[in-house]
């Protein structure tokens, strides 16, 4: 898919990505969804960042928490209190933040993680709706490296 160039394309790409994710999740048996990822113990396979997402729940929680960061970031700008996207204590090492986020949610179930991500996905679509095409074009899209 090409990089979105307007709000409608951005929202379509967001929805498409979410639908692909949920379709893949729907294909997993409960046992497979709860099982540890095979690459979690080998950082050479996908990089150090992936060591923190040891199972499907961790991955979904990670996505959820980063969307929460985005929501707070935009709210701060809109209320006239702009702050950096990352909390101060993690600005130089966001891998530590990733570890903290996963640790924070060890008691969160996979079903709850899915609900949380669904909630923030809707919020991100609403957030995108509130921007003009011109505002969207000024915000660089950061993409995580893929495996």
C-alpha atoms as a PDB file:
ATOM      1  CA  UNK A   1       0.000   0.000   0.000  1.00  0.00           C
ATOM      2  CA  UNK A   2       1.278   3.451  -0.822  1.00  0.00           C
ATOM      3  CA  UNK A   3       1.710   6.158   1.800  1.00  0.00           C
ATOM      4  CA  UNK A   4      -1.598   7.943   2.473  1.00  0.00           C
ATOM      5  CA  UNK A   5      -1.675  11.476   1.081  1.00  0.00           C
ATOM      6  CA  UNK A   6      -4.978  12.691   2.527  1.00  0.00           C
ATOM      7  CA  UNK A   7      -7.254  12.096   5.486  1.00  0.00           C
ATOM      8  CA  UNK A   8      -9.522   9.608   3.720  1.00  0.00           C
ATOM      9  CA  UNK A   9      -6.552   7.519   2.559  1.00  0.00           C
ATOM     10  CA  UNK A  10      -5.075   7.661   6.066  1.00  0.00           C
ATOM     11  CA  UNK A  11      -8.305   6.483   7.663  1.00  0.00           C
ATOM     12  CA  UNK A  12      -8.684   3.745   5.033  1.00  0.00           C
ATOM     13  CA  UNK A  13      -5.112   2.568   5.684  1.00  0.00           C
ATOM     14  CA  UNK A  14      -5.727   2.588   9.435  1.00  0.00           C
ATOM     15  CA  UNK A  15      -8.922   0.561   9.034  1.00  0.00           C
ATOM     16  CA  UNK A  16      -7.310  -1.826   6.558  1.00  0.00           C
ATOM     17  CA  UNK A  17      -4.398  -2.488   8.902  1.00  0.00           C
ATOM     18  CA  UNK A  18      -6.704  -3.055  11.854  1.00  0.00           C
ATOM     19  CA  UNK A  19      -8.913  -5.420   9.844  1.00  0.00           C
ATOM     20  CA  UNK A  20      -5.871  -7.399   8.701  1.00  0.00           C
ATOM     21  CA  UNK A  21      -4.676  -7.678  12.295  1.00  0.00           C
ATOM     22  CA  UNK A  22      -8.061  -8.805  13.602  1.00  0.00           C
ATOM     23  CA  UNK A  23      -8.410 -11.286  10.727  1.00  0.00           C
ATOM     24  CA  UNK A  24      -5.067 -12.844  11.654  1.00  0.00           C
ATOM     25  CA  UNK A  25      -6.065 -12.934  15.310  1.00  0.00           C
ATOM     26  CA  UNK A  26      -9.312 -14.647  14.345  1.00  0.00           C
ATOM     27  CA  UNK A  27      -7.362 -17.443  12.674  1.00  0.00           C
ATOM     28  CA  UNK A  28      -5.491 -18.299  15.874  1.00  0.00           C
ATOM     29  CA  UNK A  29      -6.706 -20.978  18.217  1.00  0.00           C
ATOM     30  CA  UNK A  30      -6.887 -19.932  21.859  1.00  0.00           C
ATOM     31  CA  UNK A  31      -3.808 -22.050  22.575  1.00  0.00           C
ATOM     32  CA  UNK A  32      -1.832 -20.425  19.757  1.00  0.00           C
ATOM     33  CA  UNK A  33      -2.917 -16.928  20.812  1.00  0.00           C
ATOM     34  CA  UNK A  34      -1.795 -17.578  24.392  1.00  0.00           C
ATOM     35  CA  UNK A  35       1.461 -19.328  23.451  1.00  0.00           C
ATOM     36  CA  UNK A  36       4.792 -17.516  23.650  1.00  0.00           C
ATOM     37  CA  UNK A  37       6.195 -16.290  20.343  1.00  0.00           C
ATOM     38  CA  UNK A  38       8.900 -18.567  18.975  1.00  0.00           C
ATOM     39  CA  UNK A  39      11.268 -15.652  18.312  1.00  0.00           C
ATOM     40  CA  UNK A  40      10.911 -14.033  21.749  1.00  0.00           C
ATOM     41  CA  UNK A  41      14.060 -15.685  23.064  1.00  0.00           C
ATOM     42  CA  UNK A  42      16.223 -14.834  20.028  1.00  0.00           C
ATOM     43  CA  UNK A  43      16.720 -11.063  19.531  1.00  0.00           C
ATOM     44  CA  UNK A  44      18.697 -11.756  16.348  1.00  0.00           C
ATOM     45  CA  UNK A  45      15.524 -12.898  14.606  1.00  0.00           C
ATOM     46  CA  UNK A  46      13.642  -9.597  14.796  1.00  0.00           C
ATOM     47  CA  UNK A  47      15.649  -7.188  16.896  1.00  0.00           C
ATOM     48  CA  UNK A  48      15.758  -6.318  20.559  1.00  0.00           C
ATOM     49  CA  UNK A  49      12.403  -4.520  20.579  1.00  0.00           C
ATOM     50  CA  UNK A  50      10.562  -7.731  19.857  1.00  0.00           C
ATOM     51  CA  UNK A  51      11.959  -9.346  23.004  1.00  0.00           C
ATOM     52  CA  UNK A  52       9.343  -7.454  25.056  1.00  0.00           C
ATOM     53  CA  UNK A  53       6.338  -8.761  23.162  1.00  0.00           C
ATOM     54  CA  UNK A  54       6.443 -12.382  24.235  1.00  0.00           C
ATOM     55  CA  UNK A  55       2.870 -13.303  23.281  1.00  0.00           C
ATOM     56  CA  UNK A  56      -0.143 -11.990  21.384  1.00  0.00           C
ATOM     57  CA  UNK A  57      -1.453 -10.141  24.441  1.00  0.00           C
ATOM     58  CA  UNK A  58       1.853  -8.278  24.848  1.00  0.00           C
ATOM     59  CA  UNK A  59       1.812  -7.237  21.198  1.00  0.00           C
ATOM     60  CA  UNK A  60      -1.765  -5.937  21.415  1.00  0.00           C
ATOM     61  CA  UNK A  61      -1.044  -4.104  24.667  1.00  0.00           C
ATOM     62  CA  UNK A  62       2.017  -2.548  23.077  1.00  0.00           C
ATOM     63  CA  UNK A  63      -0.088  -1.210  20.182  1.00  0.00           C
ATOM     64  CA  UNK A  64      -2.779  -0.019  22.588  1.00  0.00           C
ATOM     65  CA  UNK A  65      -0.342   1.876  24.829  1.00  0.00           C
ATOM     66  CA  UNK A  66       1.367   3.593  21.888  1.00  0.00           C
ATOM     67  CA  UNK A  67      -2.048   4.720  20.657  1.00  0.00           C
ATOM     68  CA  UNK A  68      -2.765   6.075  24.133  1.00  0.00           C
ATOM     69  CA  UNK A  69       0.492   8.040  23.868  1.00  0.00           C
ATOM     70  CA  UNK A  70      -0.682   9.468  20.551  1.00  0.00           C
ATOM     71  CA  UNK A  71      -4.048  10.468  22.006  1.00  0.00           C
ATOM     72  CA  UNK A  72      -2.392  12.243  24.945  1.00  0.00           C
ATOM     73  CA  UNK A  73       0.140  13.896  22.634  1.00  0.00           C
ATOM     74  CA  UNK A  74      -2.579  15.378  20.432  1.00  0.00           C
ATOM     75  CA  UNK A  75      -4.736  16.375  23.421  1.00  0.00           C
ATOM     76  CA  UNK A  76      -1.781  18.229  24.921  1.00  0.00           C
ATOM     77  CA  UNK A  77      -1.205  20.140  21.694  1.00  0.00           C
ATOM     78  CA  UNK A  78      -4.887  20.999  21.312  1.00  0.00           C
ATOM     79  CA  UNK A  79      -5.140  22.303  24.889  1.00  0.00           C
ATOM     80  CA  UNK A  80      -2.087  24.507  24.444  1.00  0.00           C
ATOM     81  CA  UNK A  81       0.257  22.372  26.533  1.00  0.00           C
ATOM     82  CA  UNK A  82       2.480  20.689  23.941  1.00  0.00           C
ATOM     83  CA  UNK A  83       4.784  17.995  25.302  1.00  0.00           C
ATOM     84  CA  UNK A  84       7.039  15.473  23.678  1.00  0.00           C
ATOM     85  CA  UNK A  85       5.401  12.306  22.437  1.00  0.00           C
ATOM     86  CA  UNK A  86       7.418  10.113  24.791  1.00  0.00           C
ATOM     87  CA  UNK A  87       7.385  10.631  28.542  1.00  0.00           C
ATOM     88  CA  UNK A  88      10.527  12.401  29.786  1.00  0.00           C
ATOM     89  CA  UNK A  89      11.939   9.363  31.554  1.00  0.00           C
ATOM     90  CA  UNK A  90      11.859   7.282  28.358  1.00  0.00           C
ATOM     91  CA  UNK A  91      12.869   9.816  25.726  1.00  0.00           C
ATOM     92  CA  UNK A  92      16.420   8.497  25.427  1.00  0.00           C
ATOM     93  CA  UNK A  93      15.534   4.825  25.742  1.00  0.00           C
ATOM     94  CA  UNK A  94      12.040   3.896  24.674  1.00  0.00           C
ATOM     95  CA  UNK A  95      12.904   0.183  24.948  1.00  0.00           C
ATOM     96  CA  UNK A  96      12.704   0.681  28.704  1.00  0.00           C
ATOM     97  CA  UNK A  97       9.239   2.102  28.217  1.00  0.00           C
ATOM     98  CA  UNK A  98       8.283  -0.925  26.128  1.00  0.00           C
ATOM     99  CA  UNK A  99       9.379  -3.200  28.973  1.00  0.00           C
ATOM    100  CA  UNK A 100       7.412  -1.133  31.480  1.00  0.00           C
ATOM    101  CA  UNK A 101       4.258  -1.236  29.338  1.00  0.00           C
ATOM    102  CA  UNK A 102       4.372  -5.004  29.036  1.00  0.00           C
ATOM    103  CA  UNK A 103       5.058  -5.396  32.768  1.00  0.00           C
ATOM    104  CA  UNK A 104       2.147  -3.043  33.558  1.00  0.00           C
ATOM    105  CA  UNK A 105      -0.261  -5.342  31.722  1.00  0.00           C
ATOM    106  CA  UNK A 106       0.800  -8.797  32.902  1.00  0.00           C
ATOM    107  CA  UNK A 107      -2.593  -9.064  34.602  1.00  0.00           C
ATOM    108  CA  UNK A 108      -4.498  -8.018  31.461  1.00  0.00           C
ATOM    109  CA  UNK A 109      -6.211 -10.887  29.648  1.00  0.00           C
ATOM    110  CA  UNK A 110      -5.954 -11.421  25.910  1.00  0.00           C
ATOM    111  CA  UNK A 111      -9.662 -10.645  25.559  1.00  0.00           C
ATOM    112  CA  UNK A 112      -9.239  -7.394  27.491  1.00  0.00           C
ATOM    113  CA  UNK A 113      -6.197  -6.491  25.371  1.00  0.00           C
ATOM    114  CA  UNK A 114      -8.326  -6.947  22.240  1.00  0.00           C
ATOM    115  CA  UNK A 115     -11.041  -4.699  23.696  1.00  0.00           C
ATOM    116  CA  UNK A 116      -8.518  -2.033  24.695  1.00  0.00           C
ATOM    117  CA  UNK A 117      -6.978  -2.029  21.223  1.00  0.00           C
ATOM    118  CA  UNK A 118     -10.407  -1.875  19.582  1.00  0.00           C
ATOM    119  CA  UNK A 119     -11.206   1.151  21.772  1.00  0.00           C
ATOM    120  CA  UNK A 120      -8.034   3.042  20.878  1.00  0.00           C
ATOM    121  CA  UNK A 121      -8.379   2.102  17.220  1.00  0.00           C
ATOM    122  CA  UNK A 122     -11.780   3.838  17.181  1.00  0.00           C
ATOM    123  CA  UNK A 123     -10.242   6.790  19.036  1.00  0.00           C
ATOM    124  CA  UNK A 124      -7.422   7.031  16.460  1.00  0.00           C
ATOM    125  CA  UNK A 125      -9.967   7.072  13.620  1.00  0.00           C
ATOM    126  CA  UNK A 126     -11.863   9.853  15.402  1.00  0.00           C
ATOM    127  CA  UNK A 127      -8.606  11.688  16.004  1.00  0.00           C
ATOM    128  CA  UNK A 128      -7.718  11.462  12.305  1.00  0.00           C
ATOM    129  CA  UNK A 129     -11.186  12.749  11.425  1.00  0.00           C
ATOM    130  CA  UNK A 130     -10.465  15.895  13.436  1.00  0.00           C
ATOM    131  CA  UNK A 131      -7.471  16.842  11.289  1.00  0.00           C
ATOM    132  CA  UNK A 132      -7.534  18.587   7.946  1.00  0.00           C
ATOM    133  CA  UNK A 133      -5.586  17.117   5.030  1.00  0.00           C
ATOM    134  CA  UNK A 134      -3.062  19.937   5.418  1.00  0.00           C
ATOM    135  CA  UNK A 135      -2.472  19.119   9.087  1.00  0.00           C
ATOM    136  CA  UNK A 136      -2.107  15.416   8.302  1.00  0.00           C
ATOM    137  CA  UNK A 137       0.520  16.123   5.678  1.00  0.00           C
ATOM    138  CA  UNK A 138       2.697  18.003   8.182  1.00  0.00           C
ATOM    139  CA  UNK A 139       2.900  15.025  10.559  1.00  0.00           C
ATOM    140  CA  UNK A 140       5.564  12.480   9.591  1.00  0.00           C
ATOM    141  CA  UNK A 141       4.448   8.865   9.749  1.00  0.00           C
ATOM    142  CA  UNK A 142       6.848   6.710  11.765  1.00  0.00           C
ATOM    143  CA  UNK A 143       6.937   3.098  10.763  1.00  0.00           C
ATOM    144  CA  UNK A 144       8.429   0.354  12.893  1.00  0.00           C
ATOM    145  CA  UNK A 145      10.870  -1.857  11.003  1.00  0.00           C
ATOM    146  CA  UNK A 146       9.268  -5.138  10.066  1.00  0.00           C
ATOM    147  CA  UNK A 147      10.730  -8.592  10.572  1.00  0.00           C
END
